[in-house]
Amino acid sequence: MDEARESSQRKGKGKTPPDPDTETLNFKVTTDFKKEFKGYAVSQGITMLELLKEGFELSKQKRRQ
């Protein structure tokens, strides 16, 4: 088996297929922000996506006041 084919098979190994109703949200943050964000999510036992969604909901609630 050639290297490119092996590499592409490894990348998808063990991952759930993408949900057809999802899209990529693509933006850049500083390395320090990502490290802090990810570390906080891990310390809370949640994913970064869950933390982002929770923060977004809290922000919307705060701005409605």
PDB file of N, CA and C in Angstrom:
ATOM      1  N   MET A   1       0.865  -1.185   0.000  1.00  0.00           N
ATOM      2  CA  MET A   1       0.000   0.000   0.000  1.00  0.00           C
ATOM      3  C   MET A   1       0.900   1.234   0.000  1.00  0.00           C
ATOM      4  N   ASP A   2       0.564   2.231  -0.822  1.00  0.00           N
ATOM      5  CA  ASP A   2       1.432   3.406  -0.877  1.00  0.00           C
ATOM      6  C   ASP A   2       1.199   4.340   0.307  1.00  0.00           C
ATOM      7  N   GLU A   3       2.178   5.221   0.547  1.00  0.00           N
ATOM      8  CA  GLU A   3       2.145   6.099   1.737  1.00  0.00           C
ATOM      9  C   GLU A   3       0.938   7.017   1.782  1.00  0.00           C
ATOM     10  N   ALA A   4       0.581   7.635   0.666  1.00  0.00           N
ATOM     11  CA  ALA A   4      -0.546   8.583   0.646  1.00  0.00           C
ATOM     12  C   ALA A   4      -1.844   7.865   1.010  1.00  0.00           C
ATOM     13  N   ARG A   5      -2.018   6.676   0.482  1.00  0.00           N
ATOM     14  CA  ARG A   5      -3.236   5.917   0.764  1.00  0.00           C
ATOM     15  C   ARG A   5      -3.295   5.490   2.230  1.00  0.00           C
ATOM     16  N   GLU A   6      -2.144   5.031   2.750  1.00  0.00           N
ATOM     17  CA  GLU A   6      -2.081   4.653   4.168  1.00  0.00           C
ATOM     18  C   GLU A   6      -2.400   5.835   5.057  1.00  0.00           C
ATOM     19  N   SER A   7      -1.830   6.994   4.728  1.00  0.00           N
ATOM     20  CA  SER A   7      -2.031   8.205   5.521  1.00  0.00           C
ATOM     21  C   SER A   7      -3.498   8.611   5.525  1.00  0.00           C
ATOM     22  N   SER A   8      -4.153   8.558   4.370  1.00  0.00           N
ATOM     23  CA  SER A   8      -5.557   8.964   4.316  1.00  0.00           C
ATOM     24  C   SER A   8      -6.445   7.990   5.075  1.00  0.00           C
ATOM     25  N   GLN A   9      -6.083   6.726   5.107  1.00  0.00           N
ATOM     26  CA  GLN A   9      -6.858   5.756   5.868  1.00  0.00           C
ATOM     27  C   GLN A   9      -6.679   5.962   7.359  1.00  0.00           C
ATOM     28  N   ARG A  10      -5.488   6.334   7.802  1.00  0.00           N
ATOM     29  CA  ARG A  10      -5.243   6.572   9.220  1.00  0.00           C
ATOM     30  C   ARG A  10      -6.010   7.781   9.717  1.00  0.00           C
ATOM     31  N   LYS A  11      -6.093   8.824   8.917  1.00  0.00           N
ATOM     32  CA  LYS A  11      -6.755  10.059   9.336  1.00  0.00           C
ATOM     33  C   LYS A  11      -8.203   9.823   9.741  1.00  0.00           C
ATOM     34  N   GLY A  12      -8.924   8.997   8.999  1.00  0.00           N
ATOM     35  CA  GLY A  12     -10.330   8.778   9.286  1.00  0.00           C
ATOM     36  C   GLY A  12     -10.597   7.658  10.270  1.00  0.00           C
ATOM     37  N   LYS A  13      -9.554   6.981  10.691  1.00  0.00           N
ATOM     38  CA  LYS A  13      -9.718   5.806  11.560  1.00  0.00           C
ATOM     39  C   LYS A  13     -10.309   6.200  12.904  1.00  0.00           C
ATOM     40  N   GLY A  14     -11.413   5.551  13.267  1.00  0.00           N
ATOM     41  CA  GLY A  14     -11.997   5.775  14.573  1.00  0.00           C
ATOM     42  C   GLY A  14     -12.853   7.031  14.679  1.00  0.00           C
ATOM     43  N   LYS A  15     -12.972   7.774  13.617  1.00  0.00           N
ATOM     44  CA  LYS A  15     -13.767   9.004  13.670  1.00  0.00           C
ATOM     45  C   LYS A  15     -15.175   8.739  13.160  1.00  0.00           C
ATOM     46  N   THR A  16     -16.122   9.471  13.716  1.00  0.00           N
ATOM     47  CA  THR A  16     -17.501   9.388  13.268  1.00  0.00           C
ATOM     48  C   THR A  16     -17.623  10.137  11.947  1.00  0.00           C
ATOM     49  N   PRO A  17     -18.369   9.600  10.991  1.00  0.00           N
ATOM     50  CA  PRO A  17     -18.535  10.334   9.732  1.00  0.00           C
ATOM     51  C   PRO A  17     -19.189  11.685   9.995  1.00  0.00           C
ATOM     52  N   PRO A  18     -18.832  12.701   9.209  1.00  0.00           N
ATOM     53  CA  PRO A  18     -19.398  14.032   9.441  1.00  0.00           C
ATOM     54  C   PRO A  18     -20.916  14.050   9.264  1.00  0.00           C
ATOM     55  N   ASP A  19     -21.571  14.808  10.102  1.00  0.00           N
ATOM     56  CA  ASP A  19     -23.013  14.992  10.007  1.00  0.00           C
ATOM     57  C   ASP A  19     -23.285  15.868   8.788  1.00  0.00           C
ATOM     58  N   PRO A  20     -24.174  15.462   7.892  1.00  0.00           N
ATOM     59  CA  PRO A  20     -24.420  16.267   6.686  1.00  0.00           C
ATOM     60  C   PRO A  20     -25.016  17.643   6.995  1.00  0.00           C
ATOM     61  N   ASP A  21     -25.540  17.836   8.212  1.00  0.00           N
ATOM     62  CA  ASP A  21     -26.120  19.132   8.574  1.00  0.00           C
ATOM     63  C   ASP A  21     -25.125  20.048   9.269  1.00  0.00           C
ATOM     64  N   THR A  22     -23.839  19.693   9.260  1.00  0.00           N
ATOM     65  CA  THR A  22     -22.847  20.529   9.922  1.00  0.00           C
ATOM     66  C   THR A  22     -21.969  21.248   8.907  1.00  0.00           C
ATOM     67  N   GLU A  23     -21.393  22.344   9.353  1.00  0.00           N
ATOM     68  CA  GLU A  23     -20.458  23.108   8.534  1.00  0.00           C
ATOM     69  C   GLU A  23     -19.257  23.462   9.380  1.00  0.00           C
ATOM     70  N   THR A  24     -18.160  23.758   8.726  1.00  0.00           N
ATOM     71  CA  THR A  24     -16.950  24.167   9.419  1.00  0.00           C
ATOM     72  C   THR A  24     -17.040  25.651   9.751  1.00  0.00           C
ATOM     73  N   LEU A  25     -16.697  25.972  10.983  1.00  0.00           N
ATOM     74  CA  LEU A  25     -16.605  27.364  11.413  1.00  0.00           C
ATOM     75  C   LEU A  25     -15.112  27.640  11.487  1.00  0.00           C
ATOM     76  N   ASN A  26     -14.623  28.499  10.613  1.00  0.00           N
ATOM     77  CA  ASN A  26     -13.186  28.644  10.461  1.00  0.00           C
ATOM     78  C   ASN A  26     -12.736  30.059  10.797  1.00  0.00           C
ATOM     79  N   PHE A  27     -11.989  30.195  11.905  1.00  0.00           N
ATOM     80  CA  PHE A  27     -11.397  31.479  12.248  1.00  0.00           C
ATOM     81  C   PHE A  27     -10.122  31.233  13.031  1.00  0.00           C
ATOM     82  N   LYS A  28      -9.272  32.216  13.062  1.00  0.00           N
ATOM     83  CA  LYS A  28      -7.983  32.075  13.737  1.00  0.00           C
ATOM     84  C   LYS A  28      -8.015  32.740  15.098  1.00  0.00           C
ATOM     85  N   VAL A  29      -7.336  32.104  16.055  1.00  0.00           N
ATOM     86  CA  VAL A  29      -7.146  32.654  17.392  1.00  0.00           C
ATOM     87  C   VAL A  29      -5.660  32.543  17.718  1.00  0.00           C
ATOM     88  N   THR A  30      -5.226  33.263  18.729  1.00  0.00           N
ATOM     89  CA  THR A  30      -3.821  33.162  19.119  1.00  0.00           C
ATOM     90  C   THR A  30      -3.553  31.792  19.736  1.00  0.00           C
ATOM     91  N   THR A  31      -2.307  31.416  19.703  1.00  0.00           N
ATOM     92  CA  THR A  31      -1.897  30.146  20.301  1.00  0.00           C
ATOM     93  C   THR A  31      -2.236  30.117  21.785  1.00  0.00           C
ATOM     94  N   ASP A  32      -1.995  31.235  22.475  1.00  0.00           N
ATOM     95  CA  ASP A  32      -2.295  31.290  23.916  1.00  0.00           C
ATOM     96  C   ASP A  32      -3.787  31.134  24.188  1.00  0.00           C
ATOM     97  N   PHE A  33      -4.633  31.782  23.360  1.00  0.00           N
ATOM     98  CA  PHE A  33      -6.078  31.665  23.545  1.00  0.00           C
ATOM     99  C   PHE A  33      -6.511  30.218  23.349  1.00  0.00           C
ATOM    100  N   LYS A  34      -6.030  29.581  22.284  1.00  0.00           N
ATOM    101  CA  LYS A  34      -6.425  28.192  22.019  1.00  0.00           C
ATOM    102  C   LYS A  34      -6.004  27.282  23.165  1.00  0.00           C
ATOM    103  N   LYS A  35      -4.787  27.475  23.652  1.00  0.00           N
ATOM    104  CA  LYS A  35      -4.289  26.649  24.756  1.00  0.00           C
ATOM    105  C   LYS A  35      -5.164  26.830  26.001  1.00  0.00           C
ATOM    106  N   GLU A  36      -5.512  28.080  26.314  1.00  0.00           N
ATOM    107  CA  GLU A  36      -6.352  28.355  27.484  1.00  0.00           C
ATOM    108  C   GLU A  36      -7.765  27.805  27.287  1.00  0.00           C
ATOM    109  N   PHE A  37      -8.326  28.015  26.100  1.00  0.00           N
ATOM    110  CA  PHE A  37      -9.681  27.555  25.786  1.00  0.00           C
ATOM    111  C   PHE A  37      -9.765  26.032  25.882  1.00  0.00           C
ATOM    112  N   LYS A  38      -8.816  25.360  25.243  1.00  0.00           N
ATOM    113  CA  LYS A  38      -8.813  23.901  25.251  1.00  0.00           C
ATOM    114  C   LYS A  38      -8.570  23.367  26.664  1.00  0.00           C
ATOM    115  N   GLY A  39      -7.635  23.979  27.378  1.00  0.00           N
ATOM    116  CA  GLY A  39      -7.343  23.550  28.745  1.00  0.00           C
ATOM    117  C   GLY A  39      -8.551  23.699  29.645  1.00  0.00           C
ATOM    118  N   TYR A  40      -9.286  24.794  29.477  1.00  0.00           N
ATOM    119  CA  TYR A  40     -10.475  25.000  30.298  1.00  0.00           C
ATOM    120  C   TYR A  40     -11.543  23.965  29.961  1.00  0.00           C
ATOM    121  N   ALA A  41     -11.739  23.712  28.667  1.00  0.00           N
ATOM    122  CA  ALA A  41     -12.731  22.703  28.263  1.00  0.00           C
ATOM    123  C   ALA A  41     -12.380  21.344  28.856  1.00  0.00           C
ATOM    124  N   VAL A  42     -11.123  20.959  28.755  1.00  0.00           N
ATOM    125  CA  VAL A  42     -10.688  19.668  29.303  1.00  0.00           C
ATOM    126  C   VAL A  42     -10.910  19.628  30.813  1.00  0.00           C
ATOM    127  N   SER A  43     -10.575  20.726  31.495  1.00  0.00           N
ATOM    128  CA  SER A  43     -10.731  20.750  32.956  1.00  0.00           C
ATOM    129  C   SER A  43     -12.192  20.637  33.383  1.00  0.00           C
ATOM    130  N   GLN A  44     -13.107  21.035  32.493  1.00  0.00           N
ATOM    131  CA  GLN A  44     -14.536  20.955  32.781  1.00  0.00           C
ATOM    132  C   GLN A  44     -15.157  19.657  32.264  1.00  0.00           C
ATOM    133  N   GLY A  45     -14.355  18.864  31.563  1.00  0.00           N
ATOM    134  CA  GLY A  45     -14.837  17.581  31.043  1.00  0.00           C
ATOM    135  C   GLY A  45     -15.783  17.732  29.862  1.00  0.00           C
ATOM    136  N   ILE A  46     -15.592  18.800  29.081  1.00  0.00           N
ATOM    137  CA  ILE A  46     -16.440  19.032  27.911  1.00  0.00           C
ATOM    138  C   ILE A  46     -15.552  19.270  26.692  1.00  0.00           C
ATOM    139  N   THR A  47     -16.159  19.210  25.523  1.00  0.00           N
ATOM    140  CA  THR A  47     -15.406  19.472  24.303  1.00  0.00           C
ATOM    141  C   THR A  47     -15.312  20.980  24.068  1.00  0.00           C
ATOM    142  N   MET A  48     -14.391  21.352  23.202  1.00  0.00           N
ATOM    143  CA  MET A  48     -14.277  22.772  22.853  1.00  0.00           C
ATOM    144  C   MET A  48     -15.562  23.250  22.166  1.00  0.00           C
ATOM    145  N   LEU A  49     -16.191  22.391  21.389  1.00  0.00           N
ATOM    146  CA  LEU A  49     -17.442  22.768  20.741  1.00  0.00           C
ATOM    147  C   LEU A  49     -18.533  23.019  21.772  1.00  0.00           C
ATOM    148  N   GLU A  50     -18.617  22.160  22.781  1.00  0.00           N
ATOM    149  CA  GLU A  50     -19.612  22.370  23.838  1.00  0.00           C
ATOM    150  C   GLU A  50     -19.359  23.687  24.578  1.00  0.00           C
ATOM    151  N   LEU A  51     -18.096  23.988  24.841  1.00  0.00           N
ATOM    152  CA  LEU A  51     -17.751  25.246  25.511  1.00  0.00           C
ATOM    153  C   LEU A  51     -18.110  26.442  24.632  1.00  0.00           C
ATOM    154  N   LEU A  52     -17.839  26.355  23.348  1.00  0.00           N
ATOM    155  CA  LEU A  52     -18.177  27.440  22.427  1.00  0.00           C
ATOM    156  C   LEU A  52     -19.690  27.667  22.386  1.00  0.00           C
ATOM    157  N   LYS A  53     -20.450  26.583  22.282  1.00  0.00           N
ATOM    158  CA  LYS A  53     -21.908  26.701  22.236  1.00  0.00           C
ATOM    159  C   LYS A  53     -22.464  27.285  23.529  1.00  0.00           C
ATOM    160  N   GLU A  54     -21.922  26.836  24.675  1.00  0.00           N
ATOM    161  CA  GLU A  54     -22.378  27.340  25.962  1.00  0.00           C
ATOM    162  C   GLU A  54     -22.070  28.835  26.093  1.00  0.00           C
ATOM    163  N   GLY A  55     -20.871  29.218  25.690  1.00  0.00           N
ATOM    164  CA  GLY A  55     -20.491  30.630  25.747  1.00  0.00           C
ATOM    165  C   GLY A  55     -21.357  31.482  24.844  1.00  0.00           C
ATOM    166  N   PHE A  56     -21.699  30.978  23.678  1.00  0.00           N
ATOM    167  CA  PHE A  56     -22.553  31.703  22.740  1.00  0.00           C
ATOM    168  C   PHE A  56     -23.946  31.908  23.338  1.00  0.00           C
ATOM    169  N   GLU A  57     -24.497  30.846  23.940  1.00  0.00           N
ATOM    170  CA  GLU A  57     -25.816  30.966  24.571  1.00  0.00           C
ATOM    171  C   GLU A  57     -25.796  31.988  25.708  1.00  0.00           C
ATOM    172  N   LEU A  58     -24.762  31.953  26.536  1.00  0.00           N
ATOM    173  CA  LEU A  58     -24.651  32.912  27.632  1.00  0.00           C
ATOM    174  C   LEU A  58     -24.526  34.337  27.105  1.00  0.00           C
ATOM    175  N   SER A  59     -23.785  34.511  26.034  1.00  0.00           N
ATOM    176  CA  SER A  59     -23.626  35.840  25.443  1.00  0.00           C
ATOM    177  C   SER A  59     -24.963  36.363  24.905  1.00  0.00           C
ATOM    178  N   LYS A  60     -25.717  35.483  24.247  1.00  0.00           N
ATOM    179  CA  LYS A  60     -27.032  35.914  23.733  1.00  0.00           C
ATOM    180  C   LYS A  60     -27.953  36.304  24.874  1.00  0.00           C
ATOM    181  N   GLN A  61     -27.953  35.527  25.957  1.00  0.00           N
ATOM    182  CA  GLN A  61     -28.807  35.849  27.116  1.00  0.00           C
ATOM    183  C   GLN A  61     -28.413  37.191  27.715  1.00  0.00           C
ATOM    184  N   LYS A  62     -27.142  37.434  27.869  1.00  0.00           N
ATOM    185  CA  LYS A  62     -26.648  38.666  28.461  1.00  0.00           C
ATOM    186  C   LYS A  62     -27.039  39.890  27.611  1.00  0.00           C
ATOM    187  N   ARG A  63     -26.977  39.746  26.313  1.00  0.00           N
ATOM    188  CA  ARG A  63     -27.255  40.872  25.416  1.00  0.00           C
ATOM    189  C   ARG A  63     -28.748  41.160  25.262  1.00  0.00           C
ATOM    190  N   ARG A  64     -29.607  40.232  25.661  1.00  0.00           N
ATOM    191  CA  ARG A  64     -31.061  40.451  25.608  1.00  0.00           C
ATOM    192  C   ARG A  64     -31.537  41.391  26.714  1.00  0.00           C
ATOM    193  N   GLN A  65     -30.765  41.495  27.781  1.00  0.00           N
ATOM    194  CA  GLN A  65     -31.184  42.274  28.962  1.00  0.00           C
ATOM    195  C   GLN A  65     -31.315  43.738  28.642  1.00  0.00           C
TER     196      GLN A  65
END
